[in-house]
Amino acid sequence: MCKLNIRRMEEGDLDQVCAIEEETFSMPWSRKSFQDTISYYHTLFLVAELDGEIAGYCGCYQSLEEAEITNIAVRRQLRGHGIGRRLLMELMRLGKEQGAFAYTLEVRVSNQAAIHLYESLGFVSFGIRKNFYEKPREDAMIMWRHWEA
């Protein structure tokens, strides 16, 4: 694998980001949702670029010292190479520079690969949201990660 470049998401990335979103999620965000979201001052959305192509992305909303991770996805054929880990680590590093010391996210209870990744980065389960997901209907595990300020 060549050098991975992680940077802020730009409007020119959205075609590739939306393609990854659609291959990953049963209820994908629209292009307009991404377009609107990356323009907000309280969001941080990143892409991982590999050989000029978007390999994955992640993003969060920040409110003071807390951030909610809303999206993380990696192209199907590139999963298992640490791209998601690198994206999350950079997201949390940049978020910490902006004052975020706590991160939360929801993950399907059946998504053991993602849960393992989050746990390896210090996230812990804080409960279950019943029937949070649709298509198919499934519970979500609520996970948090805290740093000392």
Protein backbone atom coordinates (compact mmCIF):
# COMPACT_ATOMS: atom_id res chain seq x y z
CA MET A 1 0.00 0.00 0.00
CA CYS A 2 1.32 3.45 -0.93
CA LYS A 3 1.46 6.48 1.34
CA LEU A 4 -1.85 7.39 2.92
CA ASN A 5 -2.64 11.10 3.12
CA ILE A 6 -5.25 12.14 5.69
CA ARG A 7 -6.73 15.59 5.22
CA ARG A 8 -9.93 17.59 5.66
CA MET A 9 -12.80 16.59 3.40
CA GLU A 10 -13.48 18.99 0.53
CA GLU A 11 -16.44 19.35 -1.80
CA GLY A 12 -14.40 17.79 -4.63
CA ASP A 13 -14.20 14.56 -2.59
CA LEU A 14 -17.95 14.05 -2.36
CA ASP A 15 -18.47 11.82 -5.42
CA GLN A 16 -16.03 9.26 -4.02
CA VAL A 17 -17.19 9.74 -0.42
CA CYS A 18 -20.82 9.15 -1.44
CA ALA A 19 -19.84 6.01 -3.38
CA ILE A 20 -18.15 4.61 -0.25
CA GLU A 21 -21.12 5.68 1.90
CA GLU A 22 -23.55 3.87 -0.43
CA GLU A 23 -21.50 0.65 -0.51
CA THR A 24 -21.18 0.67 3.29
CA PHE A 25 -24.50 1.74 4.80
CA SER A 26 -28.09 0.61 4.26
CA MET A 27 -29.31 4.19 4.82
CA PRO A 28 -26.51 6.35 3.37
CA TRP A 29 -26.16 10.08 3.82
CA SER A 30 -26.99 12.11 0.71
CA ARG A 31 -24.45 14.23 -1.13
CA LYS A 32 -26.30 17.32 0.14
CA SER A 33 -25.98 16.09 3.74
CA PHE A 34 -22.21 15.82 3.35
CA GLN A 35 -22.04 19.11 1.46
CA ASP A 36 -23.94 20.95 4.18
CA THR A 37 -22.12 19.25 7.04
CA ILE A 38 -18.56 19.97 5.90
CA SER A 39 -19.41 23.66 5.71
CA TYR A 40 -20.35 23.92 9.41
CA TYR A 41 -17.75 25.41 11.75
CA HIS A 42 -18.41 22.80 14.46
CA THR A 43 -17.69 19.76 12.29
CA LEU A 44 -14.51 17.95 11.42
CA PHE A 45 -14.64 15.57 8.45
CA LEU A 46 -11.52 13.87 7.11
CA VAL A 47 -10.64 11.71 4.12
CA ALA A 48 -7.86 9.20 3.66
CA GLU A 49 -6.39 9.56 0.19
CA LEU A 50 -4.41 6.75 -1.43
CA ASP A 51 -2.89 7.23 -4.90
CA GLY A 52 -5.25 10.16 -5.58
CA GLU A 53 -8.36 8.15 -4.66
CA ILE A 54 -10.44 8.41 -1.49
CA ALA A 55 -9.89 5.22 0.51
CA GLY A 56 -12.10 6.18 3.46
CA TYR A 57 -13.49 9.01 5.53
CA CYS A 58 -14.75 9.89 8.98
CA GLY A 59 -16.33 12.84 10.68
CA CYS A 60 -17.70 14.30 13.87
CA TYR A 61 -19.76 17.12 15.29
CA GLN A 62 -18.12 18.97 18.15
CA SER A 63 -19.88 20.76 20.99
CA LEU A 64 -17.42 22.32 23.41
CA GLU A 65 -15.36 19.46 24.87
CA GLU A 66 -17.50 16.63 23.44
CA ALA A 67 -17.62 15.25 19.92
CA GLU A 68 -20.02 12.80 18.29
CA ILE A 69 -18.45 10.63 15.61
CA THR A 70 -21.11 10.39 12.93
CA ASN A 71 -19.48 8.52 10.06
CA ILE A 72 -16.55 6.26 9.42
CA ALA A 73 -16.18 4.09 6.35
CA VAL A 74 -13.43 2.54 4.26
CA ARG A 75 -13.70 1.18 0.71
CA ARG A 76 -14.65 -2.48 0.94
CA GLN A 77 -11.50 -3.72 -0.85
CA LEU A 78 -9.22 -1.69 1.46
CA ARG A 79 -10.67 -2.76 4.81
CA GLY A 80 -8.36 -4.49 7.28
CA HIS A 81 -5.30 -2.36 6.42
CA GLY A 82 -5.55 0.10 9.32
CA ILE A 83 -7.10 2.97 7.34
CA GLY A 84 -10.08 3.31 9.71
CA ARG A 85 -7.74 3.31 12.71
CA ARG A 86 -5.54 6.02 11.20
CA LEU A 87 -8.58 8.14 10.31
CA LEU A 88 -10.00 7.91 13.83
CA MET A 89 -6.66 8.63 15.47
CA GLU A 90 -6.21 11.76 13.34
CA LEU A 91 -9.82 12.84 13.92
CA MET A 92 -9.34 12.59 17.69
CA ARG A 93 -5.93 14.29 17.55
CA LEU A 94 -7.31 17.27 15.63
CA GLY A 95 -10.44 17.33 17.77
CA LYS A 96 -8.32 17.43 20.93
CA GLU A 97 -6.44 20.44 19.49
CA GLN A 98 -9.85 22.11 19.17
CA GLY A 99 -10.77 21.24 22.77
CA ALA A 100 -12.65 17.93 22.45
CA PHE A 101 -11.81 15.53 25.28
CA ALA A 102 -14.73 13.11 25.02
CA TYR A 103 -15.96 11.20 21.98
CA THR A 104 -19.12 9.20 21.51
CA LEU A 105 -20.48 7.05 18.71
CA GLU A 106 -23.09 4.41 18.00
CA VAL A 107 -22.30 1.11 16.30
CA ARG A 108 -24.46 -1.84 15.30
CA VAL A 109 -24.20 -4.51 17.98
CA SER A 110 -23.43 -7.05 15.23
CA ASN A 111 -20.48 -5.06 13.85
CA GLN A 112 -17.79 -6.87 15.82
CA ALA A 113 -14.92 -5.61 13.64
CA ALA A 114 -15.86 -1.97 14.33
CA ILE A 115 -16.46 -2.63 18.04
CA HIS A 116 -13.02 -4.25 18.30
CA LEU A 117 -11.43 -1.24 16.55
CA TYR A 118 -13.17 1.23 18.86
CA GLU A 119 -12.25 -0.76 21.98
CA SER A 120 -8.62 -0.90 20.85
CA LEU A 121 -8.68 2.92 20.69
CA GLY A 122 -10.01 3.23 24.24
CA PHE A 123 -13.75 3.38 23.65
CA VAL A 124 -15.97 1.57 26.15
CA SER A 125 -19.61 0.56 25.95
CA PHE A 126 -22.04 2.72 27.92
CA GLY A 127 -25.28 1.04 26.94
CA ILE A 128 -27.61 0.01 24.16
CA ARG A 129 -30.07 2.05 22.09
CA LYS A 130 -32.89 -0.36 21.25
CA ASN A 131 -33.91 -0.53 17.58
CA PHE A 132 -31.65 2.41 16.69
CA TYR A 133 -30.86 1.18 13.19
CA GLU A 134 -33.23 0.43 10.35
CA LYS A 135 -32.72 -1.74 7.25
CA PRO A 136 -32.22 -4.07 9.04
CA ARG A 137 -33.61 -3.07 12.43
CA GLU A 138 -30.93 -3.52 15.05
CA ASP A 139 -29.77 -2.19 18.40
CA ALA A 140 -26.83 0.20 18.65
CA MET A 141 -24.05 0.04 21.21
CA ILE A 142 -23.26 3.49 22.62
CA MET A 143 -19.53 3.91 23.11
CA TRP A 144 -17.48 6.69 24.75
CA ARG A 145 -13.81 7.61 24.95
CA HIS A 146 -12.53 10.21 27.42
CA TRP A 147 -9.16 11.94 27.74
CA GLU A 148 -7.88 13.99 30.60
CA ALA A 149 -7.96 17.70 29.78
